[in-house]
Amino acid sequence: MRLILFVVLAFTFFSASAQSKNIPTTESFSIEGKVKKSLDVSLGDLSSYKSYSIDSIVITNHLGERRSTLKNVKGVLLKDILGKVEIDAESPKVLSEYYFVCIASDNYKAVFSWNEIFNSATGSSVYILTGHDGKPASALDNRIALVSPTDQMTGRRYVKGLQKIVVERAK
């Protein structure tokens, strides 16, 4: 009886683990929320932004343990894309109260403050990936992906299947 219970529990655990890694890919994402006009960005649109190359990015989990390495990475800066939308703020003074919620197709969320993106060195290294490991974004299983390679635990804000970015204001 214990053996049967163990097998059932093990099967359930491994099935759940396999499912959790199956994140639906996306072909575009939207920027919405506290903006004057929403913006839809497709994979094709990303080619109109300046592209950056990074040798490799080590993806770590919340404990700092290496999970994977992305090599020959290409991407565009998130701040260049966010710069195309006008935040619905009454004055530039209050922009420090805004933040961006990056939401994946599996509802995973990562948050960046306006100051992180537009007023610190972090903003110059948060990328929407346009390719890695010799493949264009359209051929990647994790598309559309966002990563912040300067984070200590890079996996915490590695968003795969980016579906939308919601602009919010702190209350």
C-alpha atoms as a PDB file:
ATOM      1  CA  MET A   1       0.000   0.000   0.000  1.00  0.00           C
ATOM      2  CA  ARG A   2       2.826   2.395   0.876  1.00  0.00           C
ATOM      3  CA  LEU A   3       4.530   1.605  -2.398  1.00  0.00           C
ATOM      4  CA  ILE A   4       1.379   2.443  -4.364  1.00  0.00           C
ATOM      5  CA  LEU A   5       0.961   5.696  -2.435  1.00  0.00           C
ATOM      6  CA  PHE A   6       4.615   6.575  -3.054  1.00  0.00           C
ATOM      7  CA  VAL A   7       4.298   5.879  -6.797  1.00  0.00           C
ATOM      8  CA  VAL A   8       1.118   7.971  -7.068  1.00  0.00           C
ATOM      9  CA  LEU A   9       2.679  10.884  -5.171  1.00  0.00           C
ATOM     10  CA  ALA A  10       5.896  10.691  -7.199  1.00  0.00           C
ATOM     11  CA  PHE A  11       3.945  10.635 -10.471  1.00  0.00           C
ATOM     12  CA  THR A  12       1.855  13.616  -9.350  1.00  0.00           C
ATOM     13  CA  PHE A  13       4.954  15.566  -8.315  1.00  0.00           C
ATOM     14  CA  PHE A  14       6.825  14.923 -11.566  1.00  0.00           C
ATOM     15  CA  SER A  15       3.744  15.680 -13.665  1.00  0.00           C
ATOM     16  CA  ALA A  16       3.251  18.997 -11.863  1.00  0.00           C
ATOM     17  CA  SER A  17       6.948  19.834 -12.289  1.00  0.00           C
ATOM     18  CA  ALA A  18       6.819  19.134 -15.997  1.00  0.00           C
ATOM     19  CA  GLN A  19       3.688  21.242 -16.410  1.00  0.00           C
ATOM     20  CA  SER A  20       5.136  24.194 -14.510  1.00  0.00           C
ATOM     21  CA  LYS A  21       7.957  24.474 -17.056  1.00  0.00           C
ATOM     22  CA  ASN A  22       5.564  24.527 -20.006  1.00  0.00           C
ATOM     23  CA  ILE A  23       5.038  28.284 -20.330  1.00  0.00           C
ATOM     24  CA  PRO A  24       2.960  29.344 -23.347  1.00  0.00           C
ATOM     25  CA  THR A  25       4.998  31.386 -25.816  1.00  0.00           C
ATOM     26  CA  THR A  26       3.872  34.822 -26.952  1.00  0.00           C
ATOM     27  CA  GLU A  27       4.222  36.650 -30.264  1.00  0.00           C
ATOM     28  CA  SER A  28       3.516  40.110 -28.830  1.00  0.00           C
ATOM     29  CA  PHE A  29       2.951  41.971 -25.585  1.00  0.00           C
ATOM     30  CA  SER A  30       0.981  45.061 -24.640  1.00  0.00           C
ATOM     31  CA  ILE A  31       1.841  48.041 -22.479  1.00  0.00           C
ATOM     32  CA  GLU A  32      -1.269  49.249 -20.685  1.00  0.00           C
ATOM     33  CA  GLY A  33      -2.555  50.693 -17.441  1.00  0.00           C
ATOM     34  CA  LYS A  34      -1.709  54.260 -16.425  1.00  0.00           C
ATOM     35  CA  VAL A  35      -0.668  55.305 -19.932  1.00  0.00           C
ATOM     36  CA  LYS A  36      -2.274  57.835 -22.250  1.00  0.00           C
ATOM     37  CA  LYS A  37      -2.397  55.275 -25.070  1.00  0.00           C
ATOM     38  CA  SER A  38      -1.742  51.521 -24.883  1.00  0.00           C
ATOM     39  CA  LEU A  39       0.955  50.057 -27.100  1.00  0.00           C
ATOM     40  CA  ASP A  40       1.152  46.587 -28.656  1.00  0.00           C
ATOM     41  CA  VAL A  41       4.661  45.329 -29.446  1.00  0.00           C
ATOM     42  CA  SER A  42       5.174  42.280 -31.682  1.00  0.00           C
ATOM     43  CA  LEU A  43       8.310  40.223 -32.247  1.00  0.00           C
ATOM     44  CA  GLY A  44       8.651  41.967 -35.607  1.00  0.00           C
ATOM     45  CA  ASP A  45       8.410  45.406 -33.986  1.00  0.00           C
ATOM     46  CA  LEU A  46      11.463  44.648 -31.843  1.00  0.00           C
ATOM     47  CA  SER A  47      13.708  44.856 -34.925  1.00  0.00           C
ATOM     48  CA  SER A  48      13.020  48.609 -35.103  1.00  0.00           C
ATOM     49  CA  TYR A  49      14.822  49.176 -31.772  1.00  0.00           C
ATOM     50  CA  LYS A  50      18.578  49.350 -31.218  1.00  0.00           C
ATOM     51  CA  SER A  51      19.915  45.841 -30.617  1.00  0.00           C
ATOM     52  CA  TYR A  52      22.494  44.946 -27.962  1.00  0.00           C
ATOM     53  CA  SER A  53      24.701  41.862 -27.719  1.00  0.00           C
ATOM     54  CA  ILE A  54      25.708  40.125 -24.497  1.00  0.00           C
ATOM     55  CA  ASP A  55      28.181  37.238 -24.405  1.00  0.00           C
ATOM     56  CA  SER A  56      26.224  35.217 -21.837  1.00  0.00           C
ATOM     57  CA  ILE A  57      23.740  35.518 -18.981  1.00  0.00           C
ATOM     58  CA  VAL A  58      23.745  33.041 -16.114  1.00  0.00           C
ATOM     59  CA  ILE A  59      20.209  32.368 -14.878  1.00  0.00           C
ATOM     60  CA  THR A  60      20.100  31.593 -11.158  1.00  0.00           C
ATOM     61  CA  ASN A  61      17.266  30.622  -8.850  1.00  0.00           C
ATOM     62  CA  HIS A  62      16.231  32.376  -5.633  1.00  0.00           C
ATOM     63  CA  LEU A  63      19.105  30.672  -3.796  1.00  0.00           C
ATOM     64  CA  GLY A  64      21.681  31.871  -6.305  1.00  0.00           C
ATOM     65  CA  GLU A  65      22.124  28.373  -7.763  1.00  0.00           C
ATOM     66  CA  ARG A  66      22.882  28.213 -11.481  1.00  0.00           C
ATOM     67  CA  ARG A  67      19.865  26.968 -13.466  1.00  0.00           C
ATOM     68  CA  SER A  68      21.005  27.684 -17.032  1.00  0.00           C
ATOM     69  CA  THR A  69      23.172  29.927 -19.168  1.00  0.00           C
ATOM     70  CA  LEU A  70      21.971  31.922 -22.153  1.00  0.00           C
ATOM     71  CA  LYS A  71      24.799  32.396 -24.678  1.00  0.00           C
ATOM     72  CA  ASN A  72      25.252  34.853 -27.541  1.00  0.00           C
ATOM     73  CA  VAL A  73      22.325  36.912 -26.252  1.00  0.00           C
ATOM     74  CA  LYS A  74      20.712  39.648 -28.313  1.00  0.00           C
ATOM     75  CA  GLY A  75      18.086  42.026 -27.023  1.00  0.00           C
ATOM     76  CA  VAL A  76      16.572  45.479 -26.926  1.00  0.00           C
ATOM     77  CA  LEU A  77      16.368  47.665 -23.858  1.00  0.00           C
ATOM     78  CA  LEU A  78      13.062  47.652 -22.024  1.00  0.00           C
ATOM     79  CA  LYS A  79      13.484  51.384 -21.362  1.00  0.00           C
ATOM     80  CA  ASP A  80      13.619  52.080 -25.115  1.00  0.00           C
ATOM     81  CA  ILE A  81      10.259  50.364 -25.550  1.00  0.00           C
ATOM     82  CA  LEU A  82       8.687  51.925 -22.441  1.00  0.00           C
ATOM     83  CA  GLY A  83       9.931  55.303 -23.666  1.00  0.00           C
ATOM     84  CA  LYS A  84       7.425  55.034 -26.539  1.00  0.00           C
ATOM     85  CA  VAL A  85       4.428  55.272 -24.192  1.00  0.00           C
ATOM     86  CA  GLU A  86       3.386  58.376 -22.310  1.00  0.00           C
ATOM     87  CA  ILE A  87       2.639  57.716 -18.665  1.00  0.00           C
ATOM     88  CA  ASP A  88      -0.586  59.336 -17.505  1.00  0.00           C
ATOM     89  CA  ALA A  89       1.036  61.478 -14.793  1.00  0.00           C
ATOM     90  CA  GLU A  90       0.035  65.021 -13.890  1.00  0.00           C
ATOM     91  CA  SER A  91       3.687  66.109 -13.714  1.00  0.00           C
ATOM     92  CA  PRO A  92       7.181  64.610 -14.083  1.00  0.00           C
ATOM     93  CA  LYS A  93       7.622  65.027 -10.321  1.00  0.00           C
ATOM     94  CA  VAL A  94       5.291  62.091  -9.597  1.00  0.00           C
ATOM     95  CA  LEU A  95       6.929  59.623 -12.015  1.00  0.00           C
ATOM     96  CA  SER A  96       8.873  58.228  -9.035  1.00  0.00           C
ATOM     97  CA  GLU A  97       5.543  56.822  -7.812  1.00  0.00           C
ATOM     98  CA  TYR A  98       5.100  54.599 -10.890  1.00  0.00           C
ATOM     99  CA  TYR A  99       6.127  51.003 -11.482  1.00  0.00           C
ATOM    100  CA  PHE A 100       5.884  48.386 -14.221  1.00  0.00           C
ATOM    101  CA  VAL A 101       4.391  44.928 -13.666  1.00  0.00           C
ATOM    102  CA  CYS A 102       5.710  42.532 -16.312  1.00  0.00           C
ATOM    103  CA  ILE A 103       3.246  39.646 -16.611  1.00  0.00           C
ATOM    104  CA  ALA A 104       3.943  36.313 -18.316  1.00  0.00           C
ATOM    105  CA  SER A 105       1.436  34.086 -20.090  1.00  0.00           C
ATOM    106  CA  ASP A 106       1.425  31.793 -17.018  1.00  0.00           C
ATOM    107  CA  ASN A 107       0.707  34.841 -14.790  1.00  0.00           C
ATOM    108  CA  TYR A 108       4.257  35.017 -13.363  1.00  0.00           C
ATOM    109  CA  LYS A 109       5.021  38.625 -12.465  1.00  0.00           C
ATOM    110  CA  ALA A 110       8.152  40.727 -12.067  1.00  0.00           C
ATOM    111  CA  VAL A 111       8.171  44.381 -11.027  1.00  0.00           C
ATOM    112  CA  PHE A 112      10.450  47.297 -11.902  1.00  0.00           C
ATOM    113  CA  SER A 113      10.090  50.821 -10.551  1.00  0.00           C
ATOM    114  CA  TRP A 114      10.121  53.828 -12.873  1.00  0.00           C
ATOM    115  CA  ASN A 115      13.354  54.947 -11.184  1.00  0.00           C
ATOM    116  CA  GLU A 116      15.013  51.556 -11.774  1.00  0.00           C
ATOM    117  CA  ILE A 117      14.289  51.752 -15.488  1.00  0.00           C
ATOM    118  CA  PHE A 118      14.788  55.454 -16.192  1.00  0.00           C
ATOM    119  CA  ASN A 119      16.943  56.756 -13.319  1.00  0.00           C
ATOM    120  CA  SER A 120      19.535  54.066 -12.525  1.00  0.00           C
ATOM    121  CA  ALA A 121      22.103  51.826 -14.181  1.00  0.00           C
ATOM    122  CA  THR A 122      19.637  48.924 -13.961  1.00  0.00           C
ATOM    123  CA  GLY A 123      17.563  50.437 -16.763  1.00  0.00           C
ATOM    124  CA  SER A 124      20.523  50.146 -19.117  1.00  0.00           C
ATOM    125  CA  SER A 125      20.572  46.384 -18.663  1.00  0.00           C
ATOM    126  CA  VAL A 126      16.975  45.128 -18.661  1.00  0.00           C
ATOM    127  CA  TYR A 127      16.374  43.447 -21.994  1.00  0.00           C
ATOM    128  CA  ILE A 128      13.603  42.021 -24.103  1.00  0.00           C
ATOM    129  CA  LEU A 129      15.414  39.116 -25.753  1.00  0.00           C
ATOM    130  CA  THR A 130      15.509  38.992 -29.543  1.00  0.00           C
ATOM    131  CA  GLY A 131      17.626  35.851 -29.625  1.00  0.00           C
ATOM    132  CA  HIS A 132      20.123  33.630 -27.839  1.00  0.00           C
ATOM    133  CA  ASP A 133      22.102  30.444 -28.389  1.00  0.00           C
ATOM    134  CA  GLY A 134      22.141  31.114 -32.137  1.00  0.00           C
ATOM    135  CA  LYS A 135      18.350  31.245 -32.468  1.00  0.00           C
ATOM    136  CA  PRO A 136      16.113  34.245 -33.234  1.00  0.00           C
ATOM    137  CA  ALA A 137      13.327  35.016 -30.752  1.00  0.00           C
ATOM    138  CA  SER A 138      10.742  33.513 -33.121  1.00  0.00           C
ATOM    139  CA  ALA A 139      12.416  30.089 -32.705  1.00  0.00           C
ATOM    140  CA  LEU A 140      12.740  30.207 -28.902  1.00  0.00           C
ATOM    141  CA  ASP A 141      10.536  28.204 -26.544  1.00  0.00           C
ATOM    142  CA  ASN A 142      10.596  31.037 -23.979  1.00  0.00           C
ATOM    143  CA  ARG A 143       9.533  33.898 -26.282  1.00  0.00           C
ATOM    144  CA  ILE A 144       8.925  36.699 -25.606  1.00  0.00           C
ATOM    145  CA  ALA A 145      11.409  36.860 -22.722  1.00  0.00           C
ATOM    146  CA  LEU A 146      12.599  39.671 -20.469  1.00  0.00           C
ATOM    147  CA  VAL A 147      15.703  39.465 -18.273  1.00  0.00           C
ATOM    148  CA  SER A 148      17.654  41.701 -15.907  1.00  0.00           C
ATOM    149  CA  PRO A 149      21.219  40.303 -16.062  1.00  0.00           C
ATOM    150  CA  THR A 150      22.582  42.609 -13.351  1.00  0.00           C
ATOM    151  CA  ASP A 151      20.222  41.162 -10.723  1.00  0.00           C
ATOM    152  CA  GLN A 152      21.979  38.946  -8.180  1.00  0.00           C
ATOM    153  CA  MET A 153      19.315  36.245  -8.579  1.00  0.00           C
ATOM    154  CA  THR A 154      18.632  36.595 -12.303  1.00  0.00           C
ATOM    155  CA  GLY A 155      15.818  34.044 -12.394  1.00  0.00           C
ATOM    156  CA  ARG A 156      13.602  36.143 -10.129  1.00  0.00           C
ATOM    157  CA  ARG A 157      12.950  38.664 -12.925  1.00  0.00           C
ATOM    158  CA  TYR A 158      13.437  36.362 -15.915  1.00  0.00           C
ATOM    159  CA  VAL A 159       9.970  36.587 -17.453  1.00  0.00           C
ATOM    160  CA  LYS A 160       9.266  33.995 -20.156  1.00  0.00           C
ATOM    161  CA  GLY A 161       6.194  34.316 -22.338  1.00  0.00           C
ATOM    162  CA  LEU A 162       5.855  38.060 -21.668  1.00  0.00           C
ATOM    163  CA  GLN A 163       2.228  38.937 -22.320  1.00  0.00           C
ATOM    164  CA  LYS A 164       1.815  42.447 -20.970  1.00  0.00           C
ATOM    165  CA  ILE A 165       3.377  45.236 -18.981  1.00  0.00           C
ATOM    166  CA  VAL A 166       0.981  47.104 -16.730  1.00  0.00           C
ATOM    167  CA  VAL A 167       1.947  50.607 -15.642  1.00  0.00           C
ATOM    168  CA  GLU A 168       0.710  51.321 -12.111  1.00  0.00           C
ATOM    169  CA  ARG A 169       1.017  54.107  -9.563  1.00  0.00           C
ATOM    170  CA  ALA A 170       1.841  53.424  -5.920  1.00  0.00           C
ATOM    171  CA  LYS A 171      -1.017  54.358  -3.625  1.00  0.00           C
END
